[in-house]
Amino acid sequence: MAAVKVPDTPVEVLVDILTKAKELAIANGHVPEELKSQLQKALDIASGMDHYLEKMTTPESEPLAELYEKTISHDWDKVHKEGKTMFRLPKECITGHVEGQTLKMLIHMCQAKRVLEIGMFTGYGALSMAEGLPEDGCLMACELEPYLKDFAQPIFNKSPHGRKITVKTGSAMDTLKELAAAGEQFDMVFIDADKDNYINYYNFILDNSLLRLRGVICVDNTLFKAKVYLKDATDSNGLALRKFNQFVCDDPRVEQVILPLRDGISVIRQVSVALSSETQSQITDDEVFRGVMGRPILDRMRLDGKVAYVTGAGQGIGRAFAHALGEAGAKVAVVDMDQKRAEAVAEELHLKGIISIAITADISKPEDVQKMVEDIVSKWGTVHIACNNAGINRNSASEDTSLEEWDETFNVNLRGVFICCQAAGRVMLKQGYGKIINTASMASLIVPHPQKQLSYNASKAGVVKLTQTLGTEWIDRGVRVNCISPGIVDTPLIHSESLRPLVQRWLSDIPAGRLALVTDLQAAVVYLACDASDYMTGHNLVIEGGQSLW
């Protein structure tokens, strides 16, 4: 005889009740046909929901259900013979797709790198969350039963994401105490364990700062077969979860929403610090404590709503700057002499959901620069961030440097930067706000060797003095001007056979022991572009691995 399926979720309970009601209606000849029809419609709506959610939810990047089905077929009998009860394991594994993808989505939305799971069970949820973590992310899973770790570990080993998971067996509360003593913190905590202890786990996590500032707690089963809100419910788990839900609802430290997905998932986040009268007398309640305008430091580095342009953005440093500013929230105009390169980078940004346009301009020509600024203002209304990065380099011994080479280098590296500063600066001064970031070079501080590049070195020194002058002249009108001086940046050209001896010489001069990567410079441009750097102007931010110190 086939086992009778026990309803697990509020929707399944509703389907079960409607099915029985329909059967009673059919058996009773006095029930109107219209009532039978309405019962059928209600049953169709309720019974179709889970199937539709399953169908409309994006598949996993790896087939977790298939992976679990294969493992169950080999390992289930072995685990059962050891006298352990794994209730409804096959069903749990095969139908976890929607829940798993929901957890993965929450990982992405929280931008979590460290996750704590209390109650691992089969490991399906752990592996789903691990899939959403970055490559250097980690998930600590607490599981009471060692045999469940023995079951899940081989599955983790078959997945490319399993290496992110560490399973700790034993009492979850003991593990929480160890983590708190070690000063560990997590971006997201997922609780799916013994229901009577939900409040204890929750309180311990918050009281001992195991959840980072603005982290999220997710709690499973919080609708528990509808028993959390049915008045006549007597189920101990349902009553424990009802008590937990009310406790969280009344907690001023957090806000929560319960998602009616399967058996319910609560999403809980910490809110602004609520100070009691006793606590208020012990702390200084100011912008350091609350954040400037209530914004934590990382929020102050966001560029949401800002308009930026980057010259020389078709490749190298400029491309990296365009991506960085866009990732921080700015709209980005990708400016380059090469139209195809500008369009390629603008398309890269578009694929990441960043609003961008490609503009072709030669910054040594005032008319091109003026049109560039006008096009940006016409498109987006203003310019907040001007990233003047385009530059060229010509090598020659000083006695052989021609006036043509000198003029060509200065026309782009210094004259072009000045033209851009002036054109963007006029817009910014009018609106009383702006950030100008010029790309200078370590060559503004030292004479790099053994290469000979007089015109380049002199032009970049000029960029620094230009930056300092404009920075002091314009700050009282709301415009900050700073520059970044990179060291020698690793590019494909540097790895050519002819330059190999030169690279070895450079490396011997760099305390960091390597060349700069364009990604080493991205945080600097975001900092100089954001509100957190408002008190900085005329500064030359040197990023060269210590080379200028030797």
Protein backbone atom coordinates (compact mmCIF):
# COMPACT_ATOMS: atom_id res chain seq x y z
CA MET A 1 0.00 0.00 0.00
CA ALA A 2 1.36 3.43 -0.97
CA ALA A 3 2.18 5.78 1.88
CA VAL A 4 -0.31 8.60 2.44
CA LYS A 5 1.31 11.97 1.86
CA VAL A 6 1.04 14.22 4.91
CA PRO A 7 0.49 17.91 4.06
CA ASP A 8 3.61 19.92 4.83
CA THR A 9 2.77 23.52 4.01
CA PRO A 10 -0.23 25.85 4.39
CA VAL A 11 -0.97 25.45 0.67
CA GLU A 12 -0.80 21.65 0.91
CA VAL A 13 -3.09 21.76 3.97
CA LEU A 14 -5.50 23.93 1.98
CA VAL A 15 -5.37 21.54 -0.98
CA ASP A 16 -6.08 18.63 1.36
CA ILE A 17 -9.09 20.40 2.90
CA LEU A 18 -10.47 21.47 -0.49
CA THR A 19 -10.05 17.96 -1.87
CA LYS A 20 -12.04 16.51 1.02
CA ALA A 21 -14.66 19.25 0.67
CA LYS A 22 -15.00 18.50 -3.03
CA GLU A 23 -15.41 14.77 -2.34
CA LEU A 24 -18.12 15.50 0.24
CA ALA A 25 -19.85 17.84 -2.21
CA ILE A 26 -19.85 15.22 -4.95
CA ALA A 27 -21.16 12.55 -2.57
CA ASN A 28 -23.99 14.80 -1.43
CA GLY A 29 -26.65 15.09 -4.07
CA HIS A 30 -28.08 18.28 -2.55
CA VAL A 31 -24.97 20.45 -3.08
CA PRO A 32 -25.56 22.97 -5.88
CA GLU A 33 -23.45 22.55 -9.02
CA GLU A 34 -22.28 26.16 -8.70
CA LEU A 35 -20.77 25.41 -5.27
CA LYS A 36 -19.04 22.33 -6.68
CA SER A 37 -17.67 24.46 -9.52
CA GLN A 38 -16.35 27.10 -7.11
CA LEU A 39 -14.73 24.40 -4.97
CA GLN A 40 -12.98 23.03 -8.05
CA LYS A 41 -11.71 26.50 -9.00
CA ALA A 42 -10.33 27.00 -5.49
CA LEU A 43 -8.70 23.59 -5.63
CA ASP A 44 -7.15 24.31 -9.04
CA ILE A 45 -5.70 27.60 -7.76
CA ALA A 46 -4.28 26.07 -4.58
CA SER A 47 -2.96 22.85 -6.11
CA GLY A 48 -1.38 24.63 -9.07
CA MET A 49 0.63 27.17 -7.06
CA ASP A 50 3.62 25.04 -6.06
CA HIS A 51 3.88 23.54 -9.54
CA TYR A 52 3.83 26.99 -11.14
CA LEU A 53 6.46 28.35 -8.75
CA GLU A 54 8.64 25.35 -9.51
CA LYS A 55 8.20 25.85 -13.23
CA MET A 56 8.90 29.60 -13.16
CA THR A 57 11.94 29.48 -10.86
CA THR A 58 15.31 29.68 -12.61
CA PRO A 59 17.08 26.30 -12.67
CA GLU A 60 20.22 25.80 -10.63
CA SER A 61 23.51 26.21 -12.46
CA GLU A 62 24.19 22.63 -11.40
CA PRO A 63 21.40 20.01 -11.13
CA LEU A 64 21.27 19.60 -7.36
CA ALA A 65 18.12 17.47 -7.37
CA GLU A 66 19.72 15.06 -9.84
CA LEU A 67 22.87 14.96 -7.74
CA TYR A 68 20.85 14.12 -4.63
CA GLU A 69 18.68 11.53 -6.38
CA LYS A 70 21.77 9.63 -7.48
CA THR A 71 23.24 9.77 -3.99
CA ILE A 72 19.98 8.69 -2.35
CA SER A 73 19.71 5.64 -4.60
CA HIS A 74 23.16 4.49 -3.41
CA ASP A 75 23.28 5.69 0.18
CA TRP A 76 19.72 5.63 1.55
CA ASP A 77 19.59 1.94 2.52
CA LYS A 78 23.00 2.16 4.17
CA VAL A 79 21.99 5.13 6.31
CA HIS A 80 18.66 3.56 7.23
CA LYS A 81 20.28 0.26 8.27
CA GLU A 82 22.45 2.12 10.74
CA GLY A 83 19.26 2.70 12.71
CA LYS A 84 18.98 6.39 11.92
CA THR A 85 15.71 7.96 10.87
CA MET A 86 15.95 10.47 7.98
CA PHE A 87 12.32 11.39 7.63
CA ARG A 88 11.14 11.92 4.06
CA LEU A 89 14.69 12.42 2.80
CA PRO A 90 14.00 11.67 -0.88
CA LYS A 91 11.06 14.12 -1.02
CA GLU A 92 13.04 16.82 0.78
CA CYS A 93 15.87 16.56 -1.72
CA ILE A 94 13.86 16.40 -4.91
CA THR A 95 11.39 19.21 -4.14
CA GLY A 96 13.86 21.70 -2.66
CA HIS A 97 14.43 23.58 -5.92
CA VAL A 98 12.30 26.67 -5.21
CA GLU A 99 13.47 26.98 -1.61
CA GLY A 100 17.08 26.45 -2.67
CA GLN A 101 16.93 29.08 -5.38
CA THR A 102 15.24 31.49 -2.95
CA LEU A 103 18.12 31.09 -0.50
CA LYS A 104 20.60 31.56 -3.32
CA MET A 105 18.78 34.72 -4.39
CA LEU A 106 18.92 36.08 -0.83
CA ILE A 107 22.68 35.37 -0.75
CA HIS A 108 23.10 37.45 -3.90
CA MET A 109 20.87 40.27 -2.63
CA CYS A 110 22.77 40.42 0.68
CA GLN A 111 26.08 40.26 -1.19
CA ALA A 112 27.00 37.71 1.45
CA LYS A 113 30.46 36.19 1.72
CA ARG A 114 30.06 34.42 5.06
CA VAL A 115 26.96 32.39 5.94
CA LEU A 116 26.01 30.50 9.08
CA GLU A 117 23.46 27.69 8.82
CA ILE A 118 21.88 26.26 11.97
CA GLY A 119 20.38 22.88 11.09
CA MET A 120 21.82 21.41 7.90
CA PHE A 121 19.69 18.25 7.51
CA THR A 122 20.43 16.84 4.00
CA GLY A 123 22.69 19.71 2.95
CA TYR A 124 20.49 20.70 0.00
CA GLY A 125 19.98 24.22 1.36
CA ALA A 126 23.67 24.55 2.25
CA LEU A 127 24.73 23.63 -1.27
CA SER A 128 22.15 25.99 -2.78
CA MET A 129 23.48 28.87 -0.68
CA ALA A 130 27.09 27.93 -1.43
CA GLU A 131 26.30 28.21 -5.13
CA GLY A 132 25.36 31.86 -4.55
CA LEU A 133 28.54 32.69 -2.62
CA PRO A 134 31.59 34.21 -4.34
CA GLU A 135 34.63 32.02 -4.93
CA ASP A 136 36.19 33.10 -1.63
CA GLY A 137 32.90 32.77 0.28
CA CYS A 138 32.32 30.27 3.08
CA LEU A 139 29.38 28.61 4.82
CA MET A 140 29.53 27.17 8.32
CA ALA A 141 26.82 24.52 8.79
CA CYS A 142 25.83 23.39 12.30
CA GLU A 143 24.29 19.91 12.45
CA LEU A 144 23.48 17.91 15.56
CA GLU A 145 23.63 14.47 13.93
CA PRO A 146 27.02 13.17 12.65
CA TYR A 147 25.33 10.71 10.26
CA LEU A 148 23.80 13.63 8.34
CA LYS A 149 27.27 15.06 7.81
CA ASP A 150 28.37 11.61 6.61
CA PHE A 151 25.47 11.60 4.16
CA ALA A 152 25.95 15.16 2.85
CA GLN A 153 29.75 15.31 2.63
CA PRO A 154 30.10 13.01 -0.42
CA ILE A 155 27.53 15.16 -2.24
CA PHE A 156 29.45 18.32 -1.31
CA ASN A 157 32.61 16.68 -2.64
CA LYS A 158 30.96 16.16 -6.04
CA SER A 159 29.98 19.82 -6.35
CA PRO A 160 32.37 22.64 -7.32
CA HIS A 161 30.74 24.69 -4.56
CA GLY A 162 31.05 22.07 -1.83
CA ARG A 163 34.53 23.25 -0.87
CA LYS A 164 32.94 26.44 0.51
CA ILE A 165 31.03 24.42 3.14
CA THR A 166 32.36 23.42 6.56
CA VAL A 167 30.13 21.18 8.70
CA LYS A 168 30.34 21.36 12.48
CA THR A 169 28.52 18.55 14.30
CA GLY A 170 27.17 18.67 17.83
CA SER A 171 25.10 21.17 19.78
CA ALA A 172 24.39 24.27 17.71
CA MET A 173 24.42 26.47 20.80
CA ASP A 174 27.88 25.20 21.73
CA THR A 175 29.07 26.04 18.22
CA LEU A 176 27.54 29.51 18.44
CA LYS A 177 29.39 30.12 21.72
CA GLU A 178 32.68 29.05 20.11
CA LEU A 179 32.09 31.34 17.13
CA ALA A 180 31.21 34.27 19.39
CA ALA A 181 34.33 33.69 21.53
CA ALA A 182 36.44 33.73 18.35
CA GLY A 183 34.89 37.03 17.24
CA GLU A 184 33.33 35.56 14.09
CA GLN A 185 30.66 37.45 12.16
CA PHE A 186 28.36 36.45 9.31
CA ASP A 187 26.54 38.29 6.54
CA MET A 188 23.57 35.93 6.65
CA VAL A 189 22.30 33.34 9.14
CA PHE A 190 19.84 30.61 8.12
CA ILE A 191 17.95 28.84 10.93
CA ASP A 192 16.20 25.53 10.29
CA ALA A 193 16.67 23.45 13.43
CA ASP A 194 14.78 22.52 16.61
CA LYS A 195 11.84 24.90 16.78
CA ASP A 196 11.84 25.24 20.58
CA ASN A 197 15.28 26.83 20.38
CA TYR A 198 14.61 29.34 17.59
CA ILE A 199 14.30 32.24 20.07
CA ASN A 200 17.47 31.16 21.89
CA TYR A 201 19.48 30.96 18.65
CA TYR A 202 18.07 34.27 17.44
CA ASN A 203 18.81 36.12 20.70
CA PHE A 204 22.31 34.69 20.99
CA ILE A 205 23.15 35.73 17.43
CA LEU A 206 22.03 39.33 17.98
CA ASP A 207 23.29 39.69 21.56
CA ASN A 208 26.78 38.44 20.61
CA SER A 209 27.12 40.33 17.30
CA LEU A 210 27.42 37.16 15.22
CA LEU A 211 25.45 39.01 12.54
CA ARG A 212 27.35 41.83 10.89
CA LEU A 213 25.91 45.33 10.65
CA ARG A 214 22.93 45.20 8.25
CA GLY A 215 23.17 41.43 7.93
CA VAL A 216 20.12 39.21 7.44
CA ILE A 217 18.65 36.28 9.39
CA CYS A 218 16.48 33.84 7.43
CA VAL A 219 14.28 31.41 9.36
CA ASP A 220 12.57 28.39 7.80
CA ASN A 221 9.16 26.84 8.56
CA THR A 222 7.69 30.01 10.10
CA LEU A 223 4.21 29.29 8.69
CA PHE A 224 4.42 25.63 9.76
CA LYS A 225 1.40 23.97 8.12
CA ALA A 226 -0.70 27.05 9.04
CA LYS A 227 -0.52 26.05 12.71
CA VAL A 228 1.14 29.36 13.66
CA TYR A 229 -2.11 31.23 13.02
CA LEU A 230 -4.90 28.65 13.44
CA LYS A 231 -6.49 29.34 16.82
CA ASP A 232 -7.21 25.72 17.66
CA ALA A 233 -3.65 24.53 16.90
CA THR A 234 -2.03 22.40 19.60
CA ASP A 235 1.08 21.17 17.77
CA SER A 236 4.17 21.95 19.89
CA ASN A 237 6.29 23.01 16.91
CA GLY A 238 3.52 25.23 15.59
CA LEU A 239 3.10 26.89 18.99
CA ALA A 240 6.87 27.38 19.34
CA LEU A 241 7.01 29.04 15.94
CA ARG A 242 3.98 31.20 16.73
CA LYS A 243 5.81 32.41 19.84
CA PHE A 244 8.99 33.02 17.82
CA ASN A 245 7.20 35.02 15.12
CA GLN A 246 5.56 37.25 17.71
CA PHE A 247 8.85 37.69 19.57
CA VAL A 248 10.60 38.90 16.43
CA CYS A 249 7.65 41.12 15.50
CA ASP A 250 7.92 42.86 18.91
CA ASP A 251 11.73 43.17 18.81
CA PRO A 252 12.73 46.84 18.18
CA ARG A 253 16.18 45.73 16.97
CA VAL A 254 14.84 44.27 13.74
CA GLU A 255 12.19 44.30 11.07
CA GLN A 256 10.86 41.16 9.43
CA VAL A 257 8.73 39.89 6.59
CA ILE A 258 7.40 36.32 6.29
CA LEU A 259 7.44 35.01 2.72
CA PRO A 260 4.60 32.51 2.08
CA LEU A 261 6.93 30.19 0.21
CA ARG A 262 6.33 26.51 0.93
CA ASP A 263 6.26 26.35 4.74
CA GLY A 264 7.23 30.00 5.20
CA ILE A 265 10.61 31.78 5.28
CA SER A 266 11.10 34.79 7.56
CA VAL A 267 13.59 37.41 6.39
CA ILE A 268 14.83 39.51 9.32
CA ARG A 269 17.21 42.47 9.20
CA GLN A 270 18.65 44.71 11.86
CA VAL A 271 17.48 48.32 11.81
CA SER A 272 18.90 51.52 13.28
CA VAL A 273 20.21 51.13 16.78
CA ALA A 274 17.47 51.59 19.36
CA LEU A 275 18.91 53.16 22.51
CA SER A 276 17.42 52.65 25.92
CA SER A 277 17.67 55.50 28.40
CA GLU A 278 20.37 53.56 30.25
CA THR A 279 22.42 52.91 27.08
CA GLN A 280 21.96 56.48 25.87
CA SER A 281 23.83 57.83 28.86
CA GLN A 282 26.82 55.58 28.10
CA ILE A 283 27.44 56.39 24.42
CA THR A 284 28.02 59.48 22.30
CA ASP A 285 25.09 59.60 19.91
CA ASP A 286 26.63 61.50 16.99
CA GLU A 287 27.52 61.06 13.31
CA VAL A 288 30.37 58.74 14.18
CA PHE A 289 27.88 56.45 15.92
CA ARG A 290 24.92 56.89 13.56
CA GLY A 291 26.78 57.62 10.33
CA VAL A 292 26.79 60.88 8.38
CA MET A 293 23.11 61.56 7.60
CA GLY A 294 22.46 58.06 8.98
CA ARG A 295 24.57 56.39 6.30
CA PRO A 296 27.29 53.84 7.26
CA ILE A 297 30.67 54.36 5.65
CA LEU A 298 30.20 51.90 2.78
CA ASP A 299 26.89 53.58 1.89
CA ARG A 300 28.70 56.91 1.74
CA MET A 301 30.94 55.44 -0.95
CA ARG A 302 27.97 54.70 -3.20
CA LEU A 303 27.57 56.84 -6.33
CA ASP A 304 23.87 56.25 -6.95
CA GLY A 305 22.33 59.00 -9.06
CA LYS A 306 25.71 60.45 -10.05
CA VAL A 307 26.82 61.08 -13.64
CA ALA A 308 30.43 60.32 -14.56
CA TYR A 309 32.64 60.27 -17.60
CA VAL A 310 36.00 58.55 -18.08
CA THR A 311 38.37 59.48 -20.88
CA GLY A 312 40.65 56.85 -22.34
CA ALA A 313 38.05 54.34 -21.14
CA GLY A 314 38.32 51.96 -24.08
CA GLN A 315 41.07 49.92 -22.45
CA GLY A 316 43.43 49.55 -19.49
CA ILE A 317 43.09 51.87 -16.51
CA GLY A 318 40.23 53.85 -18.02
CA ARG A 319 38.18 50.73 -18.65
CA ALA A 320 38.75 49.63 -15.03
CA PHE A 321 37.71 53.11 -13.79
CA ALA A 322 34.51 53.00 -15.89
CA HIS A 323 33.56 49.62 -14.44
CA ALA A 324 34.35 50.73 -10.87
CA LEU A 325 32.29 53.93 -11.06
CA GLY A 326 29.42 52.06 -12.68
CA GLU A 327 29.48 49.27 -10.09
CA ALA A 328 29.31 51.95 -7.38
CA GLY A 329 26.08 53.23 -8.92
CA ALA A 330 27.03 56.01 -11.36
CA LYS A 331 25.88 56.45 -14.92
CA VAL A 332 29.05 56.33 -17.04
CA ALA A 333 30.01 57.97 -20.32
CA VAL A 334 32.77 55.85 -21.87
CA VAL A 335 35.01 58.25 -23.79
CA ASP A 336 37.74 57.14 -26.18
CA MET A 337 39.29 58.12 -29.51
CA ASP A 338 38.52 54.61 -30.78
CA GLN A 339 34.78 54.32 -31.28
CA LYS A 340 34.75 50.51 -31.35
CA ARG A 341 36.62 50.30 -28.05
CA ALA A 342 34.30 52.82 -26.40
CA GLU A 343 31.25 50.94 -27.62
CA ALA A 344 32.68 47.60 -26.46
CA VAL A 345 33.21 48.88 -22.90
CA ALA A 346 29.79 50.56 -22.86
CA GLU A 347 28.30 47.19 -23.84
CA GLU A 348 30.22 45.49 -21.00
CA LEU A 349 28.67 47.97 -18.56
CA HIS A 350 25.23 47.47 -20.06
CA LEU A 351 25.51 43.71 -19.55
CA LYS A 352 26.15 44.40 -15.83
CA GLY A 353 23.05 46.61 -15.57
CA ILE A 354 25.03 49.87 -15.60
CA ILE A 355 23.60 52.82 -17.54
CA SER A 356 26.24 53.95 -20.02
CA ILE A 357 26.90 55.63 -23.34
CA ALA A 358 29.90 55.58 -25.68
CA ILE A 359 31.40 58.88 -26.83
CA THR A 360 34.21 59.34 -29.35
CA ALA A 361 36.49 62.27 -28.59
CA ASP A 362 40.09 63.44 -28.95
CA ILE A 363 40.74 65.29 -25.71
CA SER A 364 43.56 67.33 -27.26
CA LYS A 365 40.88 69.12 -29.32
CA PRO A 366 38.81 71.69 -27.39
CA GLU A 367 35.83 71.29 -29.72
CA ASP A 368 35.72 67.51 -29.08
CA VAL A 369 35.86 68.02 -25.32
CA GLN A 370 33.15 70.69 -25.39
CA LYS A 371 30.88 68.45 -27.45
CA MET A 372 31.61 65.54 -25.08
CA VAL A 373 30.44 67.52 -22.05
CA GLU A 374 27.44 68.94 -23.92
CA ASP A 375 26.38 65.46 -25.04
CA ILE A 376 26.56 64.13 -21.47
CA VAL A 377 24.61 67.09 -20.07
CA SER A 378 22.04 66.75 -22.86
CA LYS A 379 21.64 63.03 -22.10
CA TRP A 380 21.72 63.02 -18.29
CA GLY A 381 21.30 66.65 -17.23
CA THR A 382 24.69 67.26 -15.61
CA VAL A 383 28.19 65.96 -14.82
CA HIS A 384 29.13 65.09 -11.24
CA ILE A 385 32.34 63.12 -11.77
CA ALA A 386 35.01 63.89 -14.36
CA CYS A 387 37.67 61.21 -14.66
CA ASN A 388 40.38 62.60 -16.94
CA ASN A 389 42.44 59.52 -17.62
CA ALA A 390 43.48 59.55 -21.29
CA GLY A 391 47.22 59.79 -21.86
CA ILE A 392 50.08 58.69 -24.09
CA ASN A 393 53.73 57.80 -23.60
CA ARG A 394 56.66 58.22 -25.97
CA ASN A 395 60.16 57.00 -25.10
CA SER A 396 63.33 58.69 -26.30
CA ALA A 397 66.62 59.96 -24.91
CA SER A 398 66.29 63.59 -23.87
CA GLU A 399 68.84 64.79 -26.40
CA ASP A 400 66.84 63.08 -29.12
CA THR A 401 63.34 64.15 -28.00
CA SER A 402 61.79 66.10 -30.86
CA LEU A 403 59.47 69.06 -30.44
CA GLU A 404 56.83 67.00 -32.24
CA GLU A 405 57.08 64.27 -29.60
CA TRP A 406 57.08 66.86 -26.81
CA ASP A 407 54.03 68.67 -28.21
CA GLU A 408 52.14 65.44 -28.95
CA THR A 409 52.67 64.20 -25.38
CA PHE A 410 51.79 67.51 -23.72
CA ASN A 411 48.76 68.06 -25.96
CA VAL A 412 47.15 64.92 -24.55
CA ASN A 413 48.67 64.47 -21.11
CA LEU A 414 48.55 68.05 -19.82
CA ARG A 415 46.77 70.33 -22.26
CA GLY A 416 44.03 67.73 -22.80
CA VAL A 417 43.56 67.24 -19.06
CA PHE A 418 43.34 71.02 -18.58
CA ILE A 419 40.72 71.33 -21.36
CA CYS A 420 38.64 68.57 -19.74
CA CYS A 421 38.97 70.07 -16.26
CA GLN A 422 37.88 73.45 -17.53
CA ALA A 423 34.91 72.18 -19.54
CA ALA A 424 33.62 69.91 -16.78
CA GLY A 425 34.54 72.42 -14.10
CA ARG A 426 32.28 75.08 -15.60
CA VAL A 427 29.29 72.75 -15.27
CA MET A 428 30.27 71.74 -11.74
CA LEU A 429 30.96 75.28 -10.51
CA LYS A 430 27.57 76.37 -11.76
CA GLN A 431 25.83 73.62 -9.80
CA GLY A 432 28.08 73.97 -6.74
CA TYR A 433 29.27 70.36 -6.72
CA GLY A 434 31.69 68.11 -8.58
CA LYS A 435 34.56 65.64 -8.33
CA ILE A 436 37.43 65.82 -10.82
CA ILE A 437 39.93 62.95 -10.82
CA ASN A 438 42.97 63.21 -13.06
CA THR A 439 45.32 60.36 -13.86
CA ALA A 440 48.92 61.44 -13.20
CA SER A 441 51.76 58.94 -12.67
CA MET A 442 54.44 57.79 -10.27
CA ALA A 443 56.69 59.51 -12.83
CA SER A 444 55.49 62.80 -11.32
CA LEU A 445 57.46 61.90 -8.17
CA ILE A 446 60.52 60.03 -9.38
CA VAL A 447 62.35 59.46 -12.64
CA PRO A 448 61.50 55.87 -13.61
CA HIS A 449 64.42 53.98 -15.06
CA PRO A 450 65.99 52.61 -17.15
CA GLN A 451 63.44 53.81 -19.75
CA LYS A 452 63.90 57.37 -21.00
CA GLN A 453 60.67 59.36 -21.20
CA LEU A 454 61.32 63.04 -20.58
CA SER A 455 58.14 64.38 -22.15
CA TYR A 456 55.95 61.88 -20.30
CA ASN A 457 57.57 62.54 -16.90
CA ALA A 458 57.32 66.32 -17.29
CA SER A 459 53.70 66.20 -18.51
CA LYS A 460 52.60 64.04 -15.56
CA ALA A 461 54.36 66.34 -13.10
CA GLY A 462 52.34 69.12 -14.71
CA VAL A 463 49.11 67.16 -14.11
CA VAL A 464 49.89 67.06 -10.39
CA LYS A 465 50.51 70.83 -10.20
CA LEU A 466 47.40 71.49 -12.29
CA THR A 467 45.42 69.30 -9.86
CA GLN A 468 46.81 71.08 -6.81
CA THR A 469 46.06 74.51 -8.25
CA LEU A 470 42.49 73.74 -9.31
CA GLY A 471 41.89 71.80 -6.09
CA THR A 472 42.63 74.82 -3.93
CA GLU A 473 40.95 77.30 -6.24
CA TRP A 474 37.63 75.51 -6.64
CA ILE A 475 36.95 73.73 -3.33
CA ASP A 476 35.17 76.70 -1.76
CA ARG A 477 32.69 76.45 -4.65
CA GLY A 478 32.02 72.77 -4.08
CA VAL A 479 34.38 71.24 -6.64
CA ARG A 480 37.17 68.91 -5.46
CA VAL A 481 40.07 68.11 -7.76
CA ASN A 482 42.45 65.24 -7.02
CA CYS A 483 44.67 62.90 -8.98
CA ILE A 484 45.86 59.29 -8.90
CA SER A 485 49.46 58.36 -9.62
CA PRO A 486 49.72 54.70 -10.59
CA GLY A 487 52.95 52.78 -10.71
CA ILE A 488 53.87 50.55 -13.63
CA VAL A 489 50.71 48.73 -14.66
CA ASP A 490 50.67 45.16 -15.93
CA THR A 491 49.39 45.08 -19.51
CA PRO A 492 49.68 42.49 -22.32
CA LEU A 493 52.30 44.68 -24.04
CA ILE A 494 54.61 44.45 -21.03
CA HIS A 495 54.84 40.69 -21.43
CA SER A 496 56.42 40.88 -24.88
CA GLU A 497 59.81 39.19 -25.32
CA SER A 498 61.60 42.48 -25.96
CA LEU A 499 60.44 44.00 -22.66
CA ARG A 500 61.17 40.98 -20.45
CA PRO A 501 64.58 42.30 -19.20
CA LEU A 502 63.00 45.69 -18.49
CA VAL A 503 60.19 44.08 -16.46
CA GLN A 504 62.72 42.20 -14.32
CA ARG A 505 64.50 45.49 -13.60
CA TRP A 506 61.22 47.17 -12.64
CA LEU A 507 60.27 44.33 -10.33
CA SER A 508 63.57 44.67 -8.49
CA ASP A 509 62.66 48.31 -7.77
CA ILE A 510 59.17 47.58 -6.37
CA PRO A 511 58.87 46.62 -2.67
CA ALA A 512 55.54 44.91 -3.40
CA GLY A 513 57.36 42.55 -5.74
CA ARG A 514 54.88 42.84 -8.61
CA LEU A 515 53.47 45.27 -11.14
CA ALA A 516 50.19 47.07 -10.50
CA LEU A 517 46.95 45.62 -11.79
CA VAL A 518 44.23 47.92 -13.07
CA THR A 519 41.97 46.47 -10.36
CA ASP A 520 44.42 47.82 -7.73
CA LEU A 521 43.32 51.33 -8.75
CA GLN A 522 39.54 50.92 -8.79
CA ALA A 523 38.81 51.58 -5.11
CA ALA A 524 40.82 54.81 -5.28
CA VAL A 525 38.74 56.30 -8.07
CA VAL A 526 35.49 55.39 -6.28
CA TYR A 527 36.76 56.96 -3.04
CA LEU A 528 37.77 60.19 -4.76
CA ALA A 529 34.43 60.28 -6.59
CA CYS A 530 32.23 59.75 -3.52
CA ASP A 531 31.04 61.98 -0.68
CA ALA A 532 33.38 60.31 1.82
CA SER A 533 36.33 62.18 0.26
CA ASP A 534 34.73 65.65 0.40
CA TYR A 535 37.51 67.07 2.58
CA MET A 536 40.25 65.94 0.17
CA THR A 537 41.35 68.27 -2.61
CA GLY A 538 44.54 68.90 -4.54
CA HIS A 539 45.84 65.51 -3.42
CA ASN A 540 48.04 63.15 -5.41
CA LEU A 541 47.04 59.61 -4.38
CA VAL A 542 50.06 57.43 -5.16
CA ILE A 543 49.48 53.70 -5.76
CA GLU A 544 52.77 52.13 -6.84
CA GLY A 545 53.59 49.25 -4.50
CA GLY A 546 56.16 51.40 -2.69
CA GLN A 547 58.35 51.99 -5.75
CA SER A 548 58.71 55.74 -5.22
CA LEU A 549 60.07 55.11 -1.69
CA TRP A 550 63.19 53.28 -2.90
